[in-house]
Amino acid sequence: MIILDDSVEGIMPQTETVIRQALKERVKPVLFINKVDRLVNELKITPEQMQQRFQKIITEVNARIRKLLPPELGEKWVVNVEAGSVAFGSAYHKWAVTAPFTKRTGIGFKDIYKHCQEGTMKELAKKASLHNVVLNMVIRHLPNPLEAQKTRIPVIWKGDMSSSVGKAMLAVDENGPVAFMVTKIIVDP
C-alpha cells in the first residue's frame, strides 16, 4: 500500500482510516509525501522547516504502524527514509525523490527547493519522474503476492487453513477456487 500524505495538511482522518484498515488486513505500507511544491511556493517555508515537517509526518505514520501491528511486524514495517520506503514529491507536477534515488543521481532537497522556487518543475520531472521513483520504491519494499499472502491470509480469512480453499489462497493458486473479500469502512468515533 502506498500511503499518500499531504505535506501541507499532514495526516488527515481519511488517511488514518485507510492506514488502520490496511494494517488490519496486513497490507505492508510505503509512504509518499505529496505536494512538496506547495511548502515552498505557498507556505514559503525554509528547507530546514520542510525537513522538520517531513520528520513529523514520518514519525506520526510510524507511530500508527507500531501501534496497529504486533511488535515483531511493526518494527519490520515502519517506513524509513534512508532505506527508501519514503518518497517526497509532487503528483501534480510528476516528480519525486527517495534517499536511494538521491544517492544515485545527486538530485536532493536543495535541487527540489530551487526548482520549486524557480518554477522549473517540468525540468525536475524529467530528471526525477514520479512514476519511476514510486515504482522503484514499490518494487523494492512491498512484498510480491506469493510472500504477502502468507502474512495476510491467516489474518483476513477465518476459514480452515488446511482446507483446499485455505491452501489455494496461501499458495496464490491461480487454478484455486475464486474467493472475494469485501471491506466496508465506517466512521467509528
N, C-alpha and C. Protein backbone atom coordinates (compact mmCIF):
# COMPACT_ATOMS: atom_id res chain seq x y z
N MET A 1 0.85 -1.16 0.00
CA MET A 1 0.00 0.00 0.00
C MET A 1 0.89 1.23 0.00
N ILE A 2 0.52 2.18 -0.80
CA ILE A 2 1.20 3.48 -0.78
C ILE A 2 0.35 4.43 0.05
N ILE A 3 0.89 4.83 1.19
CA ILE A 3 0.22 5.84 2.00
C ILE A 3 0.54 7.18 1.33
N LEU A 4 -0.50 7.88 0.91
CA LEU A 4 -0.34 9.18 0.26
C LEU A 4 -0.68 10.25 1.29
N ASP A 5 0.33 11.06 1.64
CA ASP A 5 0.12 12.06 2.65
C ASP A 5 0.41 13.45 2.08
N ASP A 6 -0.40 14.40 2.45
CA ASP A 6 -0.27 15.78 2.01
C ASP A 6 0.74 16.48 2.90
N SER A 7 1.82 17.00 2.31
CA SER A 7 2.87 17.63 3.11
C SER A 7 2.39 18.90 3.81
N VAL A 8 1.36 19.53 3.29
CA VAL A 8 0.84 20.76 3.88
C VAL A 8 -0.14 20.43 5.00
N GLU A 9 -1.06 19.53 4.75
CA GLU A 9 -2.12 19.20 5.71
C GLU A 9 -1.70 18.16 6.74
N GLY A 10 -0.72 17.33 6.44
CA GLY A 10 -0.33 16.25 7.34
C GLY A 10 -1.30 15.09 7.23
N ILE A 11 -1.30 14.23 8.22
CA ILE A 11 -2.17 13.05 8.19
C ILE A 11 -3.60 13.46 8.48
N MET A 12 -4.46 13.25 7.50
CA MET A 12 -5.87 13.61 7.62
C MET A 12 -6.67 12.40 8.10
N PRO A 13 -7.89 12.60 8.60
CA PRO A 13 -8.69 11.49 9.12
C PRO A 13 -8.89 10.35 8.12
N GLN A 14 -9.11 10.66 6.85
CA GLN A 14 -9.31 9.59 5.87
C GLN A 14 -8.03 8.77 5.68
N THR A 15 -6.89 9.45 5.71
CA THR A 15 -5.60 8.74 5.59
C THR A 15 -5.43 7.81 6.77
N GLU A 16 -5.75 8.29 7.95
CA GLU A 16 -5.64 7.47 9.16
C GLU A 16 -6.56 6.25 9.07
N THR A 17 -7.75 6.43 8.55
CA THR A 17 -8.70 5.33 8.39
C THR A 17 -8.15 4.29 7.42
N VAL A 18 -7.59 4.74 6.32
CA VAL A 18 -7.04 3.82 5.32
C VAL A 18 -5.84 3.07 5.90
N ILE A 19 -4.98 3.76 6.63
CA ILE A 19 -3.82 3.11 7.26
C ILE A 19 -4.31 2.03 8.22
N ARG A 20 -5.27 2.38 9.04
CA ARG A 20 -5.80 1.43 10.03
C ARG A 20 -6.35 0.18 9.36
N GLN A 21 -7.17 0.36 8.31
CA GLN A 21 -7.78 -0.77 7.62
C GLN A 21 -6.72 -1.62 6.91
N ALA A 22 -5.79 -0.98 6.24
CA ALA A 22 -4.75 -1.71 5.52
C ALA A 22 -3.88 -2.53 6.47
N LEU A 23 -3.48 -1.95 7.58
CA LEU A 23 -2.66 -2.68 8.53
C LEU A 23 -3.44 -3.81 9.20
N LYS A 24 -4.72 -3.57 9.44
CA LYS A 24 -5.58 -4.62 9.99
C LYS A 24 -5.60 -5.83 9.05
N GLU A 25 -5.55 -5.54 7.74
CA GLU A 25 -5.55 -6.61 6.73
C GLU A 25 -4.15 -7.03 6.33
N ARG A 26 -3.15 -6.53 7.06
CA ARG A 26 -1.74 -6.88 6.86
C ARG A 26 -1.22 -6.54 5.46
N VAL A 27 -1.53 -5.32 5.04
CA VAL A 27 -1.00 -4.79 3.78
C VAL A 27 0.18 -3.90 4.16
N LYS A 28 1.37 -4.27 3.70
CA LYS A 28 2.59 -3.53 4.05
C LYS A 28 2.59 -2.15 3.40
N PRO A 29 2.99 -1.11 4.17
CA PRO A 29 2.97 0.26 3.62
C PRO A 29 4.34 0.79 3.17
N VAL A 30 4.28 1.72 2.24
CA VAL A 30 5.35 2.67 1.94
C VAL A 30 4.68 4.04 1.98
N LEU A 31 5.45 5.10 2.01
CA LEU A 31 4.89 6.44 2.19
C LEU A 31 5.32 7.37 1.07
N PHE A 32 4.34 8.08 0.49
CA PHE A 32 4.63 9.15 -0.47
C PHE A 32 4.11 10.45 0.12
N ILE A 33 5.03 11.37 0.41
CA ILE A 33 4.67 12.68 0.92
C ILE A 33 4.52 13.60 -0.28
N ASN A 34 3.30 14.02 -0.54
CA ASN A 34 2.92 14.73 -1.74
C ASN A 34 2.84 16.24 -1.50
N LYS A 35 2.75 16.98 -2.58
CA LYS A 35 2.55 18.44 -2.58
C LYS A 35 3.71 19.20 -1.93
N VAL A 36 4.92 18.67 -2.09
CA VAL A 36 6.10 19.32 -1.54
C VAL A 36 6.27 20.71 -2.15
N ASP A 37 5.90 20.86 -3.40
CA ASP A 37 5.99 22.16 -4.06
C ASP A 37 5.19 23.24 -3.34
N ARG A 38 4.08 22.87 -2.75
CA ARG A 38 3.24 23.85 -2.03
C ARG A 38 3.94 24.39 -0.79
N LEU A 39 4.77 23.55 -0.16
CA LEU A 39 5.50 24.03 1.02
C LEU A 39 6.40 25.21 0.66
N VAL A 40 7.03 25.10 -0.50
CA VAL A 40 7.97 26.13 -0.94
C VAL A 40 7.22 27.33 -1.52
N ASN A 41 6.29 27.07 -2.42
CA ASN A 41 5.66 28.16 -3.18
C ASN A 41 4.53 28.86 -2.45
N GLU A 42 3.77 28.15 -1.65
CA GLU A 42 2.64 28.78 -0.96
C GLU A 42 2.96 29.14 0.48
N LEU A 43 3.56 28.22 1.21
CA LEU A 43 3.85 28.48 2.62
C LEU A 43 5.18 29.20 2.83
N LYS A 44 6.01 29.19 1.79
CA LYS A 44 7.31 29.89 1.83
C LYS A 44 8.18 29.44 3.00
N ILE A 45 8.17 28.14 3.26
CA ILE A 45 8.98 27.64 4.38
C ILE A 45 10.42 27.43 3.93
N THR A 46 11.31 27.40 4.89
CA THR A 46 12.74 27.19 4.62
C THR A 46 13.00 25.70 4.41
N PRO A 47 14.15 25.36 3.84
CA PRO A 47 14.50 23.94 3.71
C PRO A 47 14.52 23.22 5.06
N GLU A 48 14.96 23.90 6.09
CA GLU A 48 15.00 23.30 7.43
C GLU A 48 13.59 23.02 7.94
N GLN A 49 12.68 23.97 7.73
CA GLN A 49 11.29 23.77 8.15
C GLN A 49 10.64 22.63 7.36
N MET A 50 11.02 22.52 6.09
CA MET A 50 10.49 21.44 5.25
C MET A 50 10.94 20.09 5.82
N GLN A 51 12.20 19.98 6.16
CA GLN A 51 12.72 18.74 6.73
C GLN A 51 12.02 18.40 8.05
N GLN A 52 11.79 19.42 8.88
CA GLN A 52 11.09 19.20 10.15
C GLN A 52 9.67 18.70 9.93
N ARG A 53 8.99 19.27 8.95
CA ARG A 53 7.62 18.85 8.62
C ARG A 53 7.61 17.39 8.16
N PHE A 54 8.57 17.03 7.29
CA PHE A 54 8.66 15.66 6.81
C PHE A 54 8.91 14.69 7.97
N GLN A 55 9.83 15.07 8.86
CA GLN A 55 10.15 14.21 10.00
C GLN A 55 8.92 13.99 10.88
N LYS A 56 8.13 15.03 11.08
CA LYS A 56 6.91 14.92 11.89
C LYS A 56 5.93 13.94 11.24
N ILE A 57 5.73 14.06 9.93
CA ILE A 57 4.81 13.17 9.22
C ILE A 57 5.29 11.73 9.32
N ILE A 58 6.57 11.50 9.08
CA ILE A 58 7.13 10.14 9.12
C ILE A 58 7.01 9.56 10.52
N THR A 59 7.29 10.36 11.53
CA THR A 59 7.17 9.91 12.92
C THR A 59 5.73 9.52 13.24
N GLU A 60 4.76 10.33 12.79
CA GLU A 60 3.34 10.03 13.03
C GLU A 60 2.90 8.76 12.31
N VAL A 61 3.33 8.59 11.06
CA VAL A 61 2.97 7.38 10.32
C VAL A 61 3.56 6.16 11.02
N ASN A 62 4.83 6.24 11.41
CA ASN A 62 5.46 5.10 12.08
C ASN A 62 4.84 4.80 13.44
N ALA A 63 4.39 5.82 14.14
CA ALA A 63 3.71 5.59 15.42
C ALA A 63 2.43 4.79 15.20
N ARG A 64 1.71 5.10 14.14
CA ARG A 64 0.48 4.36 13.82
C ARG A 64 0.81 2.92 13.42
N ILE A 65 1.85 2.74 12.64
CA ILE A 65 2.25 1.39 12.23
C ILE A 65 2.60 0.56 13.45
N ARG A 66 3.40 1.12 14.34
CA ARG A 66 3.81 0.39 15.55
C ARG A 66 2.61 0.09 16.45
N LYS A 67 1.67 1.03 16.53
CA LYS A 67 0.50 0.87 17.39
C LYS A 67 -0.46 -0.19 16.86
N LEU A 68 -0.59 -0.29 15.55
CA LEU A 68 -1.61 -1.14 14.96
C LEU A 68 -1.13 -2.55 14.59
N LEU A 69 0.15 -2.81 14.73
CA LEU A 69 0.69 -4.13 14.38
C LEU A 69 1.36 -4.77 15.58
N PRO A 70 1.46 -6.09 15.58
CA PRO A 70 2.26 -6.74 16.63
C PRO A 70 3.71 -6.25 16.55
N PRO A 71 4.41 -6.16 17.67
CA PRO A 71 5.76 -5.57 17.69
C PRO A 71 6.72 -6.15 16.65
N GLU A 72 6.70 -7.47 16.48
CA GLU A 72 7.65 -8.07 15.53
C GLU A 72 7.38 -7.63 14.09
N LEU A 73 6.14 -7.36 13.76
CA LEU A 73 5.79 -6.91 12.42
C LEU A 73 5.91 -5.39 12.31
N GLY A 74 5.49 -4.68 13.34
CA GLY A 74 5.53 -3.22 13.34
C GLY A 74 6.93 -2.68 13.12
N GLU A 75 7.92 -3.27 13.76
CA GLU A 75 9.30 -2.80 13.59
C GLU A 75 9.83 -3.09 12.20
N LYS A 76 9.40 -4.18 11.60
CA LYS A 76 9.85 -4.50 10.24
C LYS A 76 9.15 -3.63 9.20
N TRP A 77 7.96 -3.16 9.51
CA TRP A 77 7.15 -2.44 8.52
C TRP A 77 7.19 -0.94 8.64
N VAL A 78 7.89 -0.38 9.63
CA VAL A 78 7.97 1.08 9.70
C VAL A 78 8.64 1.61 8.43
N VAL A 79 8.25 2.81 8.03
CA VAL A 79 8.84 3.42 6.84
C VAL A 79 10.14 4.12 7.23
N ASN A 80 11.09 4.14 6.29
CA ASN A 80 12.41 4.64 6.61
C ASN A 80 12.97 5.40 5.41
N VAL A 81 13.34 6.63 5.63
CA VAL A 81 13.84 7.48 4.55
C VAL A 81 15.10 6.88 3.94
N GLU A 82 16.07 6.53 4.75
CA GLU A 82 17.35 6.03 4.24
C GLU A 82 17.18 4.71 3.48
N ALA A 83 16.26 3.88 3.92
CA ALA A 83 16.02 2.61 3.23
C ALA A 83 15.28 2.81 1.91
N GLY A 84 14.63 3.96 1.77
CA GLY A 84 13.93 4.26 0.53
C GLY A 84 12.46 3.92 0.51
N SER A 85 11.87 3.68 1.68
CA SER A 85 10.43 3.38 1.72
C SER A 85 9.59 4.64 1.93
N VAL A 86 10.24 5.81 1.82
CA VAL A 86 9.55 7.09 1.86
C VAL A 86 9.97 7.89 0.62
N ALA A 87 8.99 8.39 -0.10
CA ALA A 87 9.27 9.25 -1.26
C ALA A 87 8.66 10.62 -1.00
N PHE A 88 9.25 11.62 -1.59
CA PHE A 88 8.81 13.01 -1.47
C PHE A 88 8.59 13.54 -2.87
N GLY A 89 7.51 14.29 -3.09
CA GLY A 89 7.33 14.81 -4.43
C GLY A 89 6.06 15.59 -4.64
N SER A 90 5.72 15.70 -5.91
CA SER A 90 4.51 16.39 -6.33
C SER A 90 3.84 15.56 -7.42
N ALA A 91 2.73 14.96 -7.10
CA ALA A 91 1.99 14.17 -8.10
C ALA A 91 1.50 15.09 -9.21
N TYR A 92 1.10 16.29 -8.87
CA TYR A 92 0.60 17.24 -9.86
C TYR A 92 1.68 17.58 -10.89
N HIS A 93 2.89 17.79 -10.40
CA HIS A 93 3.99 18.17 -11.29
C HIS A 93 4.82 16.96 -11.74
N LYS A 94 4.45 15.77 -11.28
CA LYS A 94 5.01 14.50 -11.75
C LYS A 94 6.49 14.29 -11.44
N TRP A 95 6.91 14.67 -10.23
CA TRP A 95 8.28 14.40 -9.82
C TRP A 95 8.30 13.84 -8.41
N ALA A 96 9.35 13.09 -8.11
CA ALA A 96 9.52 12.51 -6.78
C ALA A 96 10.98 12.12 -6.57
N VAL A 97 11.37 12.01 -5.31
CA VAL A 97 12.70 11.53 -4.95
C VAL A 97 12.59 10.62 -3.73
N THR A 98 13.55 9.74 -3.61
CA THR A 98 13.77 8.94 -2.40
C THR A 98 15.25 9.07 -2.06
N ALA A 99 15.64 8.65 -0.87
CA ALA A 99 17.06 8.73 -0.50
C ALA A 99 17.94 7.91 -1.45
N PRO A 100 17.56 6.67 -1.79
CA PRO A 100 18.40 5.93 -2.75
C PRO A 100 18.48 6.62 -4.12
N PHE A 101 17.38 7.22 -4.56
CA PHE A 101 17.39 7.94 -5.83
C PHE A 101 18.35 9.13 -5.75
N THR A 102 18.31 9.85 -4.64
CA THR A 102 19.19 11.00 -4.44
C THR A 102 20.66 10.55 -4.45
N LYS A 103 20.95 9.45 -3.78
CA LYS A 103 22.34 8.95 -3.76
C LYS A 103 22.80 8.56 -5.16
N ARG A 104 21.90 7.99 -5.93
CA ARG A 104 22.23 7.52 -7.28
C ARG A 104 22.38 8.68 -8.26
N THR A 105 21.55 9.71 -8.13
CA THR A 105 21.50 10.78 -9.14
C THR A 105 22.10 12.11 -8.67
N GLY A 106 22.19 12.30 -7.37
CA GLY A 106 22.66 13.58 -6.85
C GLY A 106 21.58 14.63 -6.74
N ILE A 107 20.34 14.29 -7.13
CA ILE A 107 19.23 15.24 -7.04
C ILE A 107 18.66 15.18 -5.62
N GLY A 108 18.86 16.24 -4.86
CA GLY A 108 18.43 16.27 -3.47
C GLY A 108 17.50 17.42 -3.16
N PHE A 109 17.30 17.68 -1.88
CA PHE A 109 16.34 18.69 -1.46
C PHE A 109 16.74 20.11 -1.86
N LYS A 110 18.03 20.39 -1.95
CA LYS A 110 18.44 21.72 -2.40
C LYS A 110 17.98 21.94 -3.84
N ASP A 111 18.12 20.88 -4.66
CA ASP A 111 17.67 20.97 -6.06
C ASP A 111 16.15 21.12 -6.12
N ILE A 112 15.45 20.36 -5.31
CA ILE A 112 13.99 20.42 -5.28
C ILE A 112 13.54 21.82 -4.90
N TYR A 113 14.14 22.35 -3.84
CA TYR A 113 13.79 23.68 -3.36
C TYR A 113 14.00 24.72 -4.46
N LYS A 114 15.13 24.60 -5.13
CA LYS A 114 15.47 25.54 -6.21
C LYS A 114 14.47 25.44 -7.37
N HIS A 115 14.16 24.21 -7.79
CA HIS A 115 13.21 24.02 -8.89
C HIS A 115 11.82 24.56 -8.52
N CYS A 116 11.41 24.34 -7.28
CA CYS A 116 10.10 24.84 -6.84
C CYS A 116 10.09 26.37 -6.85
N GLN A 117 11.13 26.98 -6.32
CA GLN A 117 11.20 28.44 -6.29
C GLN A 117 11.24 29.04 -7.69
N GLU A 118 11.96 28.39 -8.58
CA GLU A 118 12.14 28.93 -9.93
C GLU A 118 11.02 28.54 -10.89
N GLY A 119 10.12 27.66 -10.44
CA GLY A 119 9.03 27.23 -11.31
C GLY A 119 9.48 26.33 -12.45
N THR A 120 10.56 25.58 -12.23
CA THR A 120 11.09 24.69 -13.28
C THR A 120 10.82 23.22 -12.93
N MET A 121 9.62 22.96 -12.47
CA MET A 121 9.30 21.60 -12.05
C MET A 121 9.13 20.64 -13.22
N LYS A 122 8.85 21.16 -14.41
CA LYS A 122 8.81 20.28 -15.59
C LYS A 122 10.20 19.71 -15.85
N GLU A 123 11.19 20.52 -15.66
CA GLU A 123 12.58 20.07 -15.79
C GLU A 123 12.91 19.02 -14.73
N LEU A 124 12.46 19.28 -13.51
CA LEU A 124 12.66 18.34 -12.41
C LEU A 124 11.96 17.01 -12.71
N ALA A 125 10.77 17.08 -13.28
CA ALA A 125 10.02 15.86 -13.61
C ALA A 125 10.76 15.01 -14.64
N LYS A 126 11.52 15.63 -15.50
CA LYS A 126 12.31 14.87 -16.48
C LYS A 126 13.48 14.16 -15.81
N LYS A 127 14.04 14.79 -14.79
CA LYS A 127 15.19 14.22 -14.08
C LYS A 127 14.77 13.21 -13.01
N ALA A 128 13.62 13.46 -12.38
CA ALA A 128 13.16 12.64 -11.25
C ALA A 128 11.67 12.32 -11.45
N SER A 129 11.38 11.51 -12.44
CA SER A 129 9.98 11.25 -12.77
C SER A 129 9.27 10.46 -11.68
N LEU A 130 8.10 10.94 -11.34
CA LEU A 130 7.28 10.35 -10.29
C LEU A 130 7.09 8.85 -10.50
N HIS A 131 6.71 8.46 -11.70
CA HIS A 131 6.39 7.05 -11.92
C HIS A 131 7.61 6.15 -11.72
N ASN A 132 8.79 6.58 -12.13
CA ASN A 132 9.98 5.75 -11.93
C ASN A 132 10.36 5.64 -10.45
N VAL A 133 10.34 6.75 -9.77
CA VAL A 133 10.74 6.76 -8.35
C VAL A 133 9.77 5.94 -7.50
N VAL A 134 8.47 6.19 -7.67
CA VAL A 134 7.48 5.47 -6.86
C VAL A 134 7.43 3.99 -7.22
N LEU A 135 7.51 3.67 -8.50
CA LEU A 135 7.51 2.27 -8.90
C LEU A 135 8.72 1.54 -8.33
N ASN A 136 9.88 2.15 -8.37
CA ASN A 136 11.07 1.53 -7.77
C ASN A 136 10.90 1.33 -6.27
N MET A 137 10.29 2.30 -5.59
CA MET A 137 10.05 2.16 -4.16
C MET A 137 9.12 0.96 -3.90
N VAL A 138 8.06 0.85 -4.66
CA VAL A 138 7.11 -0.26 -4.51
C VAL A 138 7.79 -1.60 -4.76
N ILE A 139 8.55 -1.69 -5.83
CA ILE A 139 9.23 -2.95 -6.17
C ILE A 139 10.20 -3.36 -5.07
N ARG A 140 10.93 -2.41 -4.54
CA ARG A 140 11.94 -2.73 -3.53
C ARG A 140 11.38 -3.01 -2.15
N HIS A 141 10.22 -2.44 -1.83
CA HIS A 141 9.77 -2.51 -0.44
C HIS A 141 8.46 -3.25 -0.19
N LEU A 142 7.67 -3.47 -1.21
CA LEU A 142 6.42 -4.19 -0.98
C LEU A 142 6.57 -5.63 -1.43
N PRO A 143 6.06 -6.56 -0.64
CA PRO A 143 6.23 -7.97 -0.98
C PRO A 143 5.39 -8.37 -2.19
N ASN A 144 5.88 -9.34 -2.93
CA ASN A 144 5.08 -9.86 -4.03
C ASN A 144 3.92 -10.67 -3.45
N PRO A 145 2.88 -10.94 -4.22
CA PRO A 145 1.70 -11.64 -3.69
C PRO A 145 2.01 -12.99 -3.06
N LEU A 146 2.97 -13.72 -3.60
CA LEU A 146 3.31 -15.02 -3.03
C LEU A 146 3.79 -14.90 -1.59
N GLU A 147 4.54 -13.84 -1.31
CA GLU A 147 5.02 -13.61 0.06
C GLU A 147 3.95 -12.93 0.92
N ALA A 148 3.27 -11.95 0.35
CA ALA A 148 2.30 -11.16 1.11
C ALA A 148 1.17 -12.03 1.65
N GLN A 149 0.70 -12.97 0.86
CA GLN A 149 -0.45 -13.78 1.27
C GLN A 149 -0.14 -14.64 2.49
N LYS A 150 1.10 -15.02 2.69
CA LYS A 150 1.47 -15.82 3.87
C LYS A 150 1.20 -15.03 5.16
N THR A 151 1.33 -13.72 5.08
CA THR A 151 1.07 -12.87 6.23
C THR A 151 -0.41 -12.47 6.30
N ARG A 152 -1.00 -12.22 5.14
CA ARG A 152 -2.36 -11.68 5.10
C ARG A 152 -3.45 -12.73 5.33
N ILE A 153 -3.39 -13.85 4.63
CA ILE A 153 -4.50 -14.82 4.65
C ILE A 153 -4.85 -15.29 6.06
N PRO A 154 -3.87 -15.66 6.90
CA PRO A 154 -4.25 -16.09 8.26
C PRO A 154 -4.97 -15.03 9.08
N VAL A 155 -4.80 -13.75 8.71
CA VAL A 155 -5.44 -12.66 9.45
C VAL A 155 -6.81 -12.32 8.86
N ILE A 156 -6.92 -12.30 7.54
CA ILE A 156 -8.16 -11.83 6.91
C ILE A 156 -9.16 -12.94 6.63
N TRP A 157 -8.70 -14.20 6.61
CA TRP A 157 -9.61 -15.31 6.31
C TRP A 157 -9.78 -16.16 7.55
N LYS A 158 -10.99 -16.38 7.95
CA LYS A 158 -11.27 -17.10 9.20
C LYS A 158 -11.60 -18.58 8.97
N GLY A 159 -11.41 -19.05 7.74
CA GLY A 159 -11.69 -20.45 7.43
C GLY A 159 -10.56 -21.38 7.84
N ASP A 160 -10.70 -22.64 7.48
CA ASP A 160 -9.73 -23.69 7.80
C ASP A 160 -8.54 -23.58 6.85
N MET A 161 -7.36 -23.26 7.37
CA MET A 161 -6.17 -23.10 6.54
C MET A 161 -5.73 -24.41 5.88
N SER A 162 -6.12 -25.53 6.44
CA SER A 162 -5.72 -26.81 5.85
C SER A 162 -6.72 -27.28 4.78
N SER A 163 -7.80 -26.53 4.58
CA SER A 163 -8.77 -26.89 3.54
C SER A 163 -8.20 -26.57 2.16
N SER A 164 -8.86 -27.06 1.14
CA SER A 164 -8.38 -26.79 -0.23
C SER A 164 -8.43 -25.29 -0.53
N VAL A 165 -9.45 -24.59 -0.02
CA VAL A 165 -9.55 -23.15 -0.24
C VAL A 165 -8.41 -22.43 0.49
N GLY A 166 -8.18 -22.78 1.75
CA GLY A 166 -7.11 -22.16 2.53
C GLY A 166 -5.75 -22.37 1.89
N LYS A 167 -5.49 -23.61 1.49
CA LYS A 167 -4.20 -23.92 0.85
C LYS A 167 -4.04 -23.17 -0.47
N ALA A 168 -5.12 -23.07 -1.24
CA ALA A 168 -5.06 -22.37 -2.53
C ALA A 168 -4.79 -20.88 -2.33
N MET A 169 -5.42 -20.29 -1.32
CA MET A 169 -5.19 -18.86 -1.06
C MET A 169 -3.76 -18.62 -0.58
N LEU A 170 -3.27 -19.46 0.31
CA LEU A 170 -1.90 -19.29 0.79
C LEU A 170 -0.88 -19.45 -0.32
N ALA A 171 -1.16 -20.36 -1.26
CA ALA A 171 -0.23 -20.61 -2.36
C ALA A 171 -0.44 -19.66 -3.54
N VAL A 172 -1.46 -18.81 -3.46
CA VAL A 172 -1.83 -17.92 -4.55
C VAL A 172 -2.00 -18.76 -5.83
N ASP A 173 -2.77 -19.82 -5.67
CA ASP A 173 -3.00 -20.78 -6.77
C ASP A 173 -4.00 -20.19 -7.76
N GLU A 174 -3.53 -19.92 -8.97
CA GLU A 174 -4.41 -19.32 -9.97
C GLU A 174 -5.50 -20.27 -10.42
N ASN A 175 -5.35 -21.56 -10.16
CA ASN A 175 -6.38 -22.54 -10.51
C ASN A 175 -7.27 -22.88 -9.31
N GLY A 176 -7.03 -22.24 -8.19
CA GLY A 176 -7.81 -22.50 -6.99
C GLY A 176 -9.20 -21.89 -7.09
N PRO A 177 -10.04 -22.15 -6.10
CA PRO A 177 -11.40 -21.59 -6.12
C PRO A 177 -11.37 -20.06 -6.01
N VAL A 178 -12.36 -19.45 -6.61
CA VAL A 178 -12.47 -17.99 -6.56
C VAL A 178 -12.92 -17.57 -5.17
N ALA A 179 -12.28 -16.54 -4.64
CA ALA A 179 -12.66 -16.01 -3.33
C ALA A 179 -12.62 -14.49 -3.40
N PHE A 180 -13.51 -13.83 -2.70
CA PHE A 180 -13.58 -12.38 -2.67
C PHE A 180 -13.51 -11.90 -1.24
N MET A 181 -13.00 -10.69 -1.08
CA MET A 181 -13.03 -10.04 0.23
C MET A 181 -13.67 -8.68 0.04
N VAL A 182 -14.68 -8.40 0.81
CA VAL A 182 -15.36 -7.11 0.75
C VAL A 182 -15.06 -6.38 2.04
N THR A 183 -14.63 -5.14 1.91
CA THR A 183 -14.31 -4.33 3.07
C THR A 183 -15.21 -3.11 3.09
N LYS A 184 -15.81 -2.86 4.23
CA LYS A 184 -16.63 -1.66 4.38
C LYS A 184 -16.00 -0.82 5.47
N ILE A 185 -15.66 0.40 5.13
CA ILE A 185 -15.06 1.30 6.11
C ILE A 185 -16.15 2.24 6.61
N ILE A 186 -16.33 2.27 7.91
CA ILE A 186 -17.32 3.15 8.53
C ILE A 186 -16.63 4.03 9.55
N VAL A 187 -17.21 5.16 9.85
CA VAL A 187 -16.66 6.04 10.85
C VAL A 187 -17.04 5.51 12.22
N ASP A 188 -16.02 5.36 13.10
CA ASP A 188 -16.23 4.88 14.44
C ASP A 188 -15.56 5.87 15.39
N PRO A 189 -16.33 6.76 16.00
CA PRO A 189 -15.71 7.79 16.86
C PRO A 189 -14.98 7.18 18.04
